[in-house]
Amino acid sequence: MMNKTQPKNRNEKEISGYRDVLKLIHEQYDYIPITVNSILEMHKQLFAYTGSTWGGNFKDSDNQIVTKYADGREEVRFNPPKAFITPELVKNLCDAYNQAIQKDEISPLLLSGAFIFDFVSIHPFRDGNGRMSRLLMLLTMYKAGFDVGKYISIERSIEDTKTEYYQALKESSASWNDNQNDYLPFLD
């Protein structure tokens, strides 16, 4: 973790990329706009050690959010939007978030949560959506003046409450594709 050795396996490579983006956000959050280009650049950095070809690129095929159970069963939990509309959806999300922040009519903490939920629901990448959502949560919170990332690990908090986190995602995801979802379970 001290950046003195090269990562040896996939886990170490992914952790190294995550560490680099985390450091960037901690040190430069004021200068990172909430835009498509910033998100793609952070995603590219996230996969910089892996040799992947998808780092920094939106998904190129449709995907599903699937729950895998210990007994081998699988259940489709959510169908994100089609790959071909992903760039437009992420752009619209960033634009709407930035406009809402400028209007200053809704708490930036609530806007951050709604932004992250919609980002996760769009599920814009082939891999790394969860990591990117946590990094973007940290970024939007820092930009709003909530320095929570200096004192606690958002990643650890989500890991410690994983069952409740996924349940809240599921509850808020109902009817998301029809723009009829309830953000409250996720925000809570």
N, C-alpha and C. Protein backbone atom coordinates (compact mmCIF):
# COMPACT_ATOMS: atom_id res chain seq x y z
N MET A 1 0.82 -1.20 0.00
CA MET A 1 0.00 0.00 0.00
C MET A 1 0.86 1.26 0.00
N MET A 2 2.10 1.16 0.42
CA MET A 2 2.97 2.34 0.46
C MET A 2 3.57 2.68 -0.90
N ASN A 3 3.15 1.96 -1.95
CA ASN A 3 3.57 2.25 -3.32
C ASN A 3 5.05 1.98 -3.56
N LYS A 4 5.62 1.03 -2.82
CA LYS A 4 7.04 0.73 -2.97
C LYS A 4 7.29 -0.52 -3.79
N THR A 5 6.26 -1.29 -4.08
CA THR A 5 6.41 -2.50 -4.89
C THR A 5 5.34 -2.51 -5.97
N GLN A 6 5.57 -3.30 -6.98
CA GLN A 6 4.60 -3.45 -8.04
C GLN A 6 3.56 -4.50 -7.65
N PRO A 7 2.30 -4.26 -8.00
CA PRO A 7 1.27 -5.26 -7.68
C PRO A 7 1.54 -6.57 -8.41
N LYS A 8 1.24 -7.70 -7.71
CA LYS A 8 1.58 -9.01 -8.25
C LYS A 8 0.40 -9.79 -8.82
N ASN A 9 -0.81 -9.50 -8.36
CA ASN A 9 -1.97 -10.24 -8.84
C ASN A 9 -3.13 -9.27 -9.07
N ARG A 10 -4.25 -9.81 -9.54
CA ARG A 10 -5.38 -8.95 -9.89
C ARG A 10 -5.86 -8.12 -8.71
N ASN A 11 -5.98 -8.74 -7.54
CA ASN A 11 -6.44 -7.99 -6.36
C ASN A 11 -5.51 -6.83 -6.05
N GLU A 12 -4.20 -7.08 -6.07
CA GLU A 12 -3.25 -6.02 -5.78
C GLU A 12 -3.29 -4.95 -6.85
N LYS A 13 -3.49 -5.33 -8.11
CA LYS A 13 -3.58 -4.36 -9.19
C LYS A 13 -4.81 -3.47 -9.03
N GLU A 14 -5.93 -4.09 -8.67
CA GLU A 14 -7.15 -3.30 -8.48
C GLU A 14 -7.03 -2.39 -7.26
N ILE A 15 -6.42 -2.89 -6.19
CA ILE A 15 -6.22 -2.07 -4.99
C ILE A 15 -5.29 -0.90 -5.29
N SER A 16 -4.25 -1.14 -6.08
CA SER A 16 -3.30 -0.08 -6.43
C SER A 16 -3.99 1.04 -7.21
N GLY A 17 -4.82 0.67 -8.17
CA GLY A 17 -5.56 1.67 -8.93
C GLY A 17 -6.53 2.44 -8.04
N TYR A 18 -7.21 1.72 -7.17
CA TYR A 18 -8.15 2.36 -6.25
C TYR A 18 -7.41 3.33 -5.33
N ARG A 19 -6.26 2.90 -4.84
CA ARG A 19 -5.45 3.75 -3.96
C ARG A 19 -5.08 5.05 -4.66
N ASP A 20 -4.69 4.95 -5.92
CA ASP A 20 -4.28 6.14 -6.67
C ASP A 20 -5.44 7.12 -6.86
N VAL A 21 -6.62 6.61 -7.19
CA VAL A 21 -7.77 7.50 -7.38
C VAL A 21 -8.19 8.07 -6.02
N LEU A 22 -8.15 7.28 -4.99
CA LEU A 22 -8.48 7.75 -3.64
C LEU A 22 -7.54 8.89 -3.24
N LYS A 23 -6.28 8.72 -3.49
CA LYS A 23 -5.29 9.76 -3.18
C LYS A 23 -5.58 11.03 -3.98
N LEU A 24 -5.88 10.86 -5.25
CA LEU A 24 -6.21 12.01 -6.10
C LEU A 24 -7.39 12.78 -5.52
N ILE A 25 -8.43 12.08 -5.14
CA ILE A 25 -9.61 12.74 -4.58
C ILE A 25 -9.28 13.43 -3.27
N HIS A 26 -8.56 12.76 -2.37
CA HIS A 26 -8.20 13.37 -1.10
C HIS A 26 -7.40 14.66 -1.30
N GLU A 27 -6.52 14.65 -2.27
CA GLU A 27 -5.60 15.79 -2.45
C GLU A 27 -6.11 16.85 -3.42
N GLN A 28 -6.97 16.48 -4.38
CA GLN A 28 -7.32 17.40 -5.47
C GLN A 28 -8.82 17.59 -5.67
N TYR A 29 -9.65 17.19 -4.73
CA TYR A 29 -11.10 17.19 -4.95
C TYR A 29 -11.64 18.53 -5.44
N ASP A 30 -11.05 19.62 -4.98
CA ASP A 30 -11.53 20.94 -5.39
C ASP A 30 -11.38 21.18 -6.89
N TYR A 31 -10.47 20.48 -7.52
CA TYR A 31 -10.15 20.70 -8.93
C TYR A 31 -10.72 19.62 -9.85
N ILE A 32 -11.51 18.71 -9.30
CA ILE A 32 -12.10 17.63 -10.10
C ILE A 32 -13.58 17.92 -10.29
N PRO A 33 -13.97 18.33 -11.49
CA PRO A 33 -15.39 18.60 -11.72
C PRO A 33 -16.19 17.31 -11.84
N ILE A 34 -17.46 17.40 -11.56
CA ILE A 34 -18.36 16.26 -11.72
C ILE A 34 -18.82 16.28 -13.18
N THR A 35 -18.04 15.63 -14.03
CA THR A 35 -18.31 15.58 -15.47
C THR A 35 -18.03 14.18 -15.99
N VAL A 36 -18.52 13.92 -17.18
CA VAL A 36 -18.27 12.64 -17.83
C VAL A 36 -16.76 12.41 -17.97
N ASN A 37 -16.04 13.43 -18.43
CA ASN A 37 -14.59 13.27 -18.63
C ASN A 37 -13.86 12.94 -17.34
N SER A 38 -14.22 13.58 -16.24
CA SER A 38 -13.58 13.28 -14.96
C SER A 38 -13.87 11.85 -14.52
N ILE A 39 -15.11 11.43 -14.69
CA ILE A 39 -15.49 10.07 -14.31
C ILE A 39 -14.72 9.05 -15.14
N LEU A 40 -14.65 9.28 -16.45
CA LEU A 40 -13.92 8.35 -17.31
C LEU A 40 -12.43 8.33 -16.98
N GLU A 41 -11.86 9.48 -16.67
CA GLU A 41 -10.44 9.54 -16.32
C GLU A 41 -10.17 8.79 -15.01
N MET A 42 -11.03 8.97 -14.02
CA MET A 42 -10.84 8.24 -12.76
C MET A 42 -11.00 6.74 -12.98
N HIS A 43 -11.96 6.35 -13.81
CA HIS A 43 -12.16 4.93 -14.11
C HIS A 43 -10.92 4.36 -14.81
N LYS A 44 -10.34 5.13 -15.70
CA LYS A 44 -9.12 4.70 -16.39
C LYS A 44 -7.99 4.49 -15.39
N GLN A 45 -7.85 5.43 -14.46
CA GLN A 45 -6.83 5.31 -13.42
C GLN A 45 -7.10 4.12 -12.52
N LEU A 46 -8.36 3.84 -12.26
CA LEU A 46 -8.76 2.72 -11.42
C LEU A 46 -8.21 1.40 -11.98
N PHE A 47 -8.15 1.30 -13.31
CA PHE A 47 -7.70 0.07 -13.96
C PHE A 47 -6.29 0.19 -14.56
N ALA A 48 -5.55 1.22 -14.18
CA ALA A 48 -4.24 1.49 -14.78
C ALA A 48 -3.25 0.34 -14.62
N TYR A 49 -3.34 -0.42 -13.55
CA TYR A 49 -2.37 -1.49 -13.29
C TYR A 49 -2.81 -2.84 -13.87
N THR A 50 -4.05 -2.91 -14.33
CA THR A 50 -4.60 -4.22 -14.70
C THR A 50 -4.35 -4.61 -16.15
N GLY A 51 -4.01 -3.66 -16.99
CA GLY A 51 -3.85 -3.97 -18.40
C GLY A 51 -5.18 -4.16 -19.11
N SER A 52 -6.26 -3.74 -18.48
CA SER A 52 -7.59 -3.91 -19.09
C SER A 52 -7.75 -2.94 -20.26
N THR A 53 -8.62 -3.30 -21.16
CA THR A 53 -8.94 -2.42 -22.28
C THR A 53 -10.20 -1.62 -22.01
N TRP A 54 -10.90 -1.93 -20.94
CA TRP A 54 -12.16 -1.24 -20.67
C TRP A 54 -12.01 -0.09 -19.68
N GLY A 55 -10.89 0.03 -19.01
CA GLY A 55 -10.69 1.13 -18.09
C GLY A 55 -10.80 2.46 -18.81
N GLY A 56 -11.68 3.33 -18.34
CA GLY A 56 -11.87 4.64 -18.95
C GLY A 56 -12.87 4.64 -20.09
N ASN A 57 -13.58 3.53 -20.26
CA ASN A 57 -14.59 3.43 -21.32
C ASN A 57 -15.91 2.94 -20.73
N PHE A 58 -17.00 3.48 -21.25
CA PHE A 58 -18.30 2.99 -20.84
C PHE A 58 -18.51 1.58 -21.35
N LYS A 59 -19.45 0.88 -20.74
CA LYS A 59 -19.75 -0.49 -21.16
C LYS A 59 -20.13 -0.51 -22.64
N ASP A 60 -19.77 -1.60 -23.29
CA ASP A 60 -20.07 -1.74 -24.71
C ASP A 60 -21.10 -2.83 -24.97
N SER A 61 -21.61 -3.42 -23.90
CA SER A 61 -22.68 -4.40 -24.02
C SER A 61 -23.61 -4.26 -22.81
N ASP A 62 -24.83 -4.70 -22.99
CA ASP A 62 -25.81 -4.61 -21.92
C ASP A 62 -25.42 -5.52 -20.76
N ASN A 63 -25.82 -5.14 -19.56
CA ASN A 63 -25.48 -5.94 -18.39
C ASN A 63 -26.68 -6.03 -17.45
N GLN A 64 -26.56 -6.91 -16.48
CA GLN A 64 -27.59 -7.10 -15.47
C GLN A 64 -26.91 -7.14 -14.10
N ILE A 65 -27.67 -6.75 -13.08
CA ILE A 65 -27.20 -6.89 -11.71
C ILE A 65 -27.80 -8.19 -11.20
N VAL A 66 -26.92 -9.14 -10.89
CA VAL A 66 -27.35 -10.49 -10.52
C VAL A 66 -26.90 -10.80 -9.10
N THR A 67 -27.80 -11.34 -8.30
CA THR A 67 -27.47 -11.83 -6.97
C THR A 67 -27.17 -13.31 -7.09
N LYS A 68 -26.00 -13.71 -6.59
CA LYS A 68 -25.61 -15.13 -6.61
C LYS A 68 -25.68 -15.66 -5.18
N TYR A 69 -26.44 -16.72 -5.01
CA TYR A 69 -26.64 -17.31 -3.70
C TYR A 69 -25.66 -18.46 -3.47
N ALA A 70 -25.45 -18.78 -2.21
CA ALA A 70 -24.50 -19.84 -1.83
C ALA A 70 -24.88 -21.19 -2.44
N ASP A 71 -26.18 -21.44 -2.65
CA ASP A 71 -26.62 -22.72 -3.20
C ASP A 71 -26.51 -22.79 -4.72
N GLY A 72 -25.94 -21.71 -5.34
CA GLY A 72 -25.74 -21.71 -6.78
C GLY A 72 -26.83 -20.99 -7.57
N ARG A 73 -27.95 -20.69 -6.91
CA ARG A 73 -29.02 -19.97 -7.59
C ARG A 73 -28.56 -18.56 -7.93
N GLU A 74 -29.14 -18.03 -9.01
CA GLU A 74 -28.89 -16.65 -9.39
C GLU A 74 -30.23 -15.96 -9.62
N GLU A 75 -30.29 -14.70 -9.26
CA GLU A 75 -31.51 -13.92 -9.42
C GLU A 75 -31.15 -12.56 -10.01
N VAL A 76 -31.81 -12.17 -11.09
CA VAL A 76 -31.60 -10.85 -11.66
C VAL A 76 -32.27 -9.85 -10.74
N ARG A 77 -31.46 -8.96 -10.17
CA ARG A 77 -31.97 -7.96 -9.25
C ARG A 77 -32.38 -6.69 -9.97
N PHE A 78 -31.64 -6.37 -11.05
CA PHE A 78 -31.89 -5.11 -11.73
C PHE A 78 -31.34 -5.17 -13.15
N ASN A 79 -32.06 -4.58 -14.08
CA ASN A 79 -31.60 -4.45 -15.46
C ASN A 79 -31.25 -2.98 -15.72
N PRO A 80 -29.96 -2.65 -15.73
CA PRO A 80 -29.57 -1.26 -16.02
C PRO A 80 -29.93 -0.88 -17.45
N PRO A 81 -29.88 0.41 -17.75
CA PRO A 81 -30.18 0.86 -19.11
C PRO A 81 -29.23 0.23 -20.14
N LYS A 82 -29.66 0.25 -21.37
CA LYS A 82 -28.87 -0.30 -22.48
C LYS A 82 -27.54 0.43 -22.62
N ALA A 83 -26.54 -0.28 -23.07
CA ALA A 83 -25.19 0.27 -23.22
C ALA A 83 -25.16 1.49 -24.13
N PHE A 84 -25.92 1.45 -25.22
CA PHE A 84 -25.82 2.53 -26.20
C PHE A 84 -26.29 3.89 -25.67
N ILE A 85 -27.13 3.92 -24.61
CA ILE A 85 -27.57 5.20 -24.07
C ILE A 85 -26.80 5.62 -22.82
N THR A 86 -25.87 4.79 -22.40
CA THR A 86 -25.12 5.06 -21.17
C THR A 86 -24.39 6.40 -21.20
N PRO A 87 -23.63 6.74 -22.25
CA PRO A 87 -22.92 8.03 -22.23
C PRO A 87 -23.86 9.22 -22.04
N GLU A 88 -25.00 9.19 -22.71
CA GLU A 88 -25.96 10.28 -22.59
C GLU A 88 -26.55 10.34 -21.17
N LEU A 89 -26.84 9.18 -20.60
CA LEU A 89 -27.40 9.15 -19.24
C LEU A 89 -26.41 9.70 -18.22
N VAL A 90 -25.15 9.34 -18.34
CA VAL A 90 -24.15 9.84 -17.40
C VAL A 90 -23.96 11.34 -17.57
N LYS A 91 -23.96 11.81 -18.81
CA LYS A 91 -23.85 13.26 -19.05
C LYS A 91 -25.04 13.98 -18.43
N ASN A 92 -26.24 13.47 -18.67
CA ASN A 92 -27.45 14.09 -18.10
C ASN A 92 -27.41 14.08 -16.57
N LEU A 93 -26.92 12.99 -16.00
CA LEU A 93 -26.80 12.88 -14.54
C LEU A 93 -25.85 13.94 -14.00
N CYS A 94 -24.69 14.07 -14.61
CA CYS A 94 -23.71 15.07 -14.17
C CYS A 94 -24.27 16.48 -14.31
N ASP A 95 -24.90 16.75 -15.44
CA ASP A 95 -25.49 18.08 -15.67
C ASP A 95 -26.56 18.39 -14.63
N ALA A 96 -27.45 17.43 -14.38
CA ALA A 96 -28.53 17.65 -13.41
C ALA A 96 -27.97 17.86 -12.01
N TYR A 97 -26.96 17.07 -11.65
CA TYR A 97 -26.33 17.21 -10.34
C TYR A 97 -25.71 18.61 -10.19
N ASN A 98 -24.93 19.02 -11.19
CA ASN A 98 -24.27 20.32 -11.12
C ASN A 98 -25.27 21.47 -11.08
N GLN A 99 -26.35 21.37 -11.84
CA GLN A 99 -27.39 22.40 -11.80
C GLN A 99 -28.05 22.46 -10.44
N ALA A 100 -28.33 21.31 -9.85
CA ALA A 100 -28.97 21.27 -8.53
C ALA A 100 -28.04 21.84 -7.45
N ILE A 101 -26.76 21.55 -7.57
CA ILE A 101 -25.78 22.11 -6.61
C ILE A 101 -25.76 23.63 -6.73
N GLN A 102 -25.77 24.14 -7.94
CA GLN A 102 -25.74 25.60 -8.16
C GLN A 102 -27.00 26.27 -7.63
N LYS A 103 -28.14 25.61 -7.78
CA LYS A 103 -29.40 26.19 -7.30
C LYS A 103 -29.43 26.28 -5.78
N ASP A 104 -28.77 25.34 -5.12
CA ASP A 104 -28.65 25.33 -3.65
C ASP A 104 -30.02 25.29 -2.95
N GLU A 105 -30.95 24.52 -3.52
CA GLU A 105 -32.29 24.39 -2.91
C GLU A 105 -32.44 23.07 -2.15
N ILE A 106 -31.56 22.12 -2.43
CA ILE A 106 -31.61 20.80 -1.79
C ILE A 106 -30.26 20.57 -1.12
N SER A 107 -30.29 19.93 0.02
CA SER A 107 -29.05 19.65 0.74
C SER A 107 -28.05 18.93 -0.16
N PRO A 108 -26.80 19.39 -0.20
CA PRO A 108 -25.80 18.71 -1.01
C PRO A 108 -25.56 17.27 -0.56
N LEU A 109 -25.84 16.97 0.69
CA LEU A 109 -25.71 15.60 1.18
C LEU A 109 -26.75 14.69 0.50
N LEU A 110 -27.99 15.18 0.41
CA LEU A 110 -29.03 14.42 -0.28
C LEU A 110 -28.74 14.32 -1.78
N LEU A 111 -28.25 15.40 -2.37
CA LEU A 111 -27.90 15.38 -3.80
C LEU A 111 -26.79 14.37 -4.07
N SER A 112 -25.83 14.31 -3.18
CA SER A 112 -24.73 13.35 -3.33
C SER A 112 -25.29 11.93 -3.32
N GLY A 113 -26.14 11.63 -2.36
CA GLY A 113 -26.74 10.29 -2.28
C GLY A 113 -27.56 9.94 -3.50
N ALA A 114 -28.36 10.90 -3.99
CA ALA A 114 -29.19 10.65 -5.17
C ALA A 114 -28.30 10.47 -6.41
N PHE A 115 -27.25 11.28 -6.52
CA PHE A 115 -26.31 11.16 -7.64
C PHE A 115 -25.68 9.77 -7.66
N ILE A 116 -25.22 9.31 -6.50
CA ILE A 116 -24.58 8.01 -6.41
C ILE A 116 -25.57 6.90 -6.73
N PHE A 117 -26.77 7.01 -6.21
CA PHE A 117 -27.77 5.98 -6.50
C PHE A 117 -28.05 5.90 -8.00
N ASP A 118 -28.25 7.03 -8.64
CA ASP A 118 -28.51 7.02 -10.09
C ASP A 118 -27.30 6.50 -10.86
N PHE A 119 -26.10 6.85 -10.42
CA PHE A 119 -24.89 6.34 -11.07
C PHE A 119 -24.85 4.81 -10.99
N VAL A 120 -25.10 4.28 -9.81
CA VAL A 120 -25.11 2.83 -9.63
C VAL A 120 -26.21 2.19 -10.48
N SER A 121 -27.34 2.85 -10.59
CA SER A 121 -28.45 2.32 -11.37
C SER A 121 -28.14 2.32 -12.86
N ILE A 122 -27.44 3.33 -13.33
CA ILE A 122 -27.02 3.35 -14.73
C ILE A 122 -26.01 2.24 -14.98
N HIS A 123 -25.19 1.96 -13.98
CA HIS A 123 -24.19 0.89 -14.05
C HIS A 123 -23.38 1.03 -15.35
N PRO A 124 -22.65 2.16 -15.47
CA PRO A 124 -22.09 2.54 -16.77
C PRO A 124 -20.86 1.76 -17.25
N PHE A 125 -20.27 0.97 -16.38
CA PHE A 125 -19.02 0.31 -16.76
C PHE A 125 -19.13 -1.20 -16.79
N ARG A 126 -18.25 -1.79 -17.51
CA ARG A 126 -18.16 -3.25 -17.57
C ARG A 126 -17.75 -3.82 -16.21
N ASP A 127 -16.88 -3.09 -15.53
CA ASP A 127 -16.38 -3.50 -14.21
C ASP A 127 -16.02 -2.24 -13.44
N GLY A 128 -16.08 -2.32 -12.13
CA GLY A 128 -15.65 -1.21 -11.29
C GLY A 128 -16.76 -0.24 -10.91
N ASN A 129 -18.02 -0.58 -11.16
CA ASN A 129 -19.11 0.34 -10.85
C ASN A 129 -19.22 0.63 -9.35
N GLY A 130 -19.10 -0.40 -8.53
CA GLY A 130 -19.19 -0.19 -7.08
C GLY A 130 -18.04 0.66 -6.56
N ARG A 131 -16.83 0.36 -7.00
CA ARG A 131 -15.68 1.15 -6.58
C ARG A 131 -15.82 2.60 -7.02
N MET A 132 -16.25 2.79 -8.27
CA MET A 132 -16.43 4.15 -8.77
C MET A 132 -17.52 4.88 -8.00
N SER A 133 -18.58 4.19 -7.63
CA SER A 133 -19.65 4.85 -6.89
C SER A 133 -19.14 5.31 -5.52
N ARG A 134 -18.33 4.51 -4.88
CA ARG A 134 -17.79 4.92 -3.58
C ARG A 134 -16.80 6.07 -3.72
N LEU A 135 -16.00 6.05 -4.77
CA LEU A 135 -15.07 7.16 -5.02
C LEU A 135 -15.84 8.44 -5.35
N LEU A 136 -16.88 8.33 -6.15
CA LEU A 136 -17.69 9.51 -6.47
C LEU A 136 -18.45 10.02 -5.26
N MET A 137 -18.86 9.11 -4.38
CA MET A 137 -19.50 9.53 -3.14
C MET A 137 -18.54 10.38 -2.32
N LEU A 138 -17.31 9.90 -2.20
CA LEU A 138 -16.30 10.65 -1.46
C LEU A 138 -16.07 12.01 -2.12
N LEU A 139 -15.93 12.02 -3.44
CA LEU A 139 -15.68 13.26 -4.16
C LEU A 139 -16.81 14.27 -3.98
N THR A 140 -18.04 13.84 -4.18
CA THR A 140 -19.17 14.77 -4.05
C THR A 140 -19.32 15.26 -2.61
N MET A 141 -19.03 14.42 -1.66
CA MET A 141 -19.12 14.85 -0.26
C MET A 141 -18.02 15.87 0.07
N TYR A 142 -16.81 15.60 -0.37
CA TYR A 142 -15.73 16.57 -0.16
C TYR A 142 -16.08 17.91 -0.80
N LYS A 143 -16.56 17.87 -2.03
CA LYS A 143 -16.88 19.11 -2.74
C LYS A 143 -17.99 19.89 -2.04
N ALA A 144 -18.85 19.19 -1.32
CA ALA A 144 -19.95 19.83 -0.60
C ALA A 144 -19.54 20.27 0.81
N GLY A 145 -18.28 20.03 1.16
CA GLY A 145 -17.79 20.46 2.47
C GLY A 145 -17.89 19.41 3.56
N PHE A 146 -18.24 18.18 3.19
CA PHE A 146 -18.32 17.09 4.16
C PHE A 146 -17.02 16.30 4.08
N ASP A 147 -16.14 16.53 5.02
CA ASP A 147 -14.81 15.90 5.01
C ASP A 147 -14.80 14.53 5.66
N VAL A 148 -15.90 13.82 5.53
CA VAL A 148 -16.08 12.53 6.19
C VAL A 148 -14.96 11.54 5.84
N GLY A 149 -14.45 11.60 4.62
CA GLY A 149 -13.42 10.67 4.17
C GLY A 149 -12.10 10.81 4.91
N LYS A 150 -11.91 11.91 5.60
CA LYS A 150 -10.70 12.10 6.39
C LYS A 150 -10.77 11.33 7.71
N TYR A 151 -12.00 10.97 8.11
CA TYR A 151 -12.20 10.40 9.44
C TYR A 151 -12.70 8.96 9.43
N ILE A 152 -13.46 8.62 8.41
CA ILE A 152 -13.96 7.24 8.32
C ILE A 152 -13.78 6.73 6.90
N SER A 153 -13.81 5.45 6.74
CA SER A 153 -13.74 4.83 5.43
C SER A 153 -15.16 4.52 4.96
N ILE A 154 -15.57 5.17 3.89
CA ILE A 154 -16.89 4.89 3.32
C ILE A 154 -16.96 3.43 2.90
N GLU A 155 -15.85 2.94 2.34
CA GLU A 155 -15.79 1.55 1.91
C GLU A 155 -16.05 0.60 3.07
N ARG A 156 -15.42 0.88 4.20
CA ARG A 156 -15.58 0.02 5.38
C ARG A 156 -17.01 0.10 5.91
N SER A 157 -17.56 1.29 5.91
CA SER A 157 -18.94 1.47 6.39
C SER A 157 -19.91 0.66 5.55
N ILE A 158 -19.74 0.70 4.23
CA ILE A 158 -20.62 -0.08 3.34
C ILE A 158 -20.38 -1.56 3.53
N GLU A 159 -19.12 -1.95 3.65
CA GLU A 159 -18.79 -3.37 3.86
C GLU A 159 -19.41 -3.89 5.17
N ASP A 160 -19.37 -3.07 6.21
CA ASP A 160 -19.90 -3.47 7.51
C ASP A 160 -21.42 -3.59 7.52
N THR A 161 -22.07 -2.93 6.57
CA THR A 161 -23.53 -2.96 6.51
C THR A 161 -24.00 -3.46 5.14
N LYS A 162 -23.24 -4.37 4.57
CA LYS A 162 -23.49 -4.82 3.19
C LYS A 162 -24.91 -5.33 2.98
N THR A 163 -25.44 -6.12 3.88
CA THR A 163 -26.79 -6.66 3.72
C THR A 163 -27.81 -5.54 3.65
N GLU A 164 -27.72 -4.59 4.58
CA GLU A 164 -28.65 -3.47 4.60
C GLU A 164 -28.45 -2.57 3.37
N TYR A 165 -27.20 -2.39 2.97
CA TYR A 165 -26.89 -1.57 1.80
C TYR A 165 -27.55 -2.15 0.55
N TYR A 166 -27.38 -3.46 0.33
CA TYR A 166 -27.98 -4.08 -0.85
C TYR A 166 -29.50 -4.10 -0.77
N GLN A 167 -30.04 -4.22 0.42
CA GLN A 167 -31.50 -4.17 0.57
C GLN A 167 -32.02 -2.78 0.22
N ALA A 168 -31.32 -1.74 0.66
CA ALA A 168 -31.73 -0.37 0.34
C ALA A 168 -31.62 -0.12 -1.16
N LEU A 169 -30.56 -0.63 -1.78
CA LEU A 169 -30.43 -0.52 -3.24
C LEU A 169 -31.62 -1.17 -3.94
N LYS A 170 -31.96 -2.35 -3.48
CA LYS A 170 -33.07 -3.09 -4.09
C LYS A 170 -34.38 -2.32 -3.95
N GLU A 171 -34.64 -1.82 -2.75
CA GLU A 171 -35.89 -1.10 -2.51
C GLU A 171 -35.97 0.18 -3.35
N SER A 172 -34.87 0.91 -3.44
CA SER A 172 -34.87 2.15 -4.21
C SER A 172 -34.84 1.90 -5.71
N SER A 173 -34.40 0.72 -6.12
CA SER A 173 -34.32 0.40 -7.55
C SER A 173 -35.67 0.09 -8.18
N ALA A 174 -36.64 -0.28 -7.37
CA ALA A 174 -37.96 -0.63 -7.91
C ALA A 174 -38.50 0.54 -8.73
N SER A 175 -38.79 0.28 -9.99
CA SER A 175 -39.35 1.25 -10.94
C SER A 175 -38.39 2.37 -11.32
N TRP A 176 -37.09 2.17 -11.09
CA TRP A 176 -36.11 3.20 -11.47
C TRP A 176 -36.14 3.44 -12.97
N ASN A 177 -36.23 2.39 -13.77
CA ASN A 177 -36.23 2.55 -15.22
C ASN A 177 -37.43 3.37 -15.72
N ASP A 178 -38.48 3.44 -14.92
CA ASP A 178 -39.67 4.21 -15.28
C ASP A 178 -39.70 5.58 -14.59
N ASN A 179 -38.60 5.91 -13.90
CA ASN A 179 -38.49 7.17 -13.17
C ASN A 179 -39.57 7.29 -12.09
N GLN A 180 -39.92 6.17 -11.49
CA GLN A 180 -40.95 6.12 -10.46
C GLN A 180 -40.41 5.55 -9.15
N ASN A 181 -39.09 5.52 -9.00
CA ASN A 181 -38.49 4.91 -7.82
C ASN A 181 -38.54 5.84 -6.62
N ASP A 182 -38.27 5.26 -5.46
CA ASP A 182 -38.23 5.98 -4.19
C ASP A 182 -36.77 6.01 -3.71
N TYR A 183 -36.18 7.18 -3.65
CA TYR A 183 -34.78 7.34 -3.23
C TYR A 183 -34.61 7.13 -1.72
N LEU A 184 -35.66 7.28 -0.97
CA LEU A 184 -35.57 7.32 0.48
C LEU A 184 -34.85 6.11 1.10
N PRO A 185 -35.16 4.86 0.72
CA PRO A 185 -34.43 3.76 1.36
C PRO A 185 -32.90 3.87 1.19
N PHE A 186 -32.45 4.25 0.00
CA PHE A 186 -31.01 4.39 -0.23
C PHE A 186 -30.46 5.59 0.54
N LEU A 187 -31.14 6.71 0.49
CA LEU A 187 -30.66 7.90 1.19
C LEU A 187 -30.61 7.68 2.70
N ASP A 188 -31.60 6.98 3.21
CA ASP A 188 -31.65 6.69 4.64
C ASP A 188 -30.48 5.82 5.02
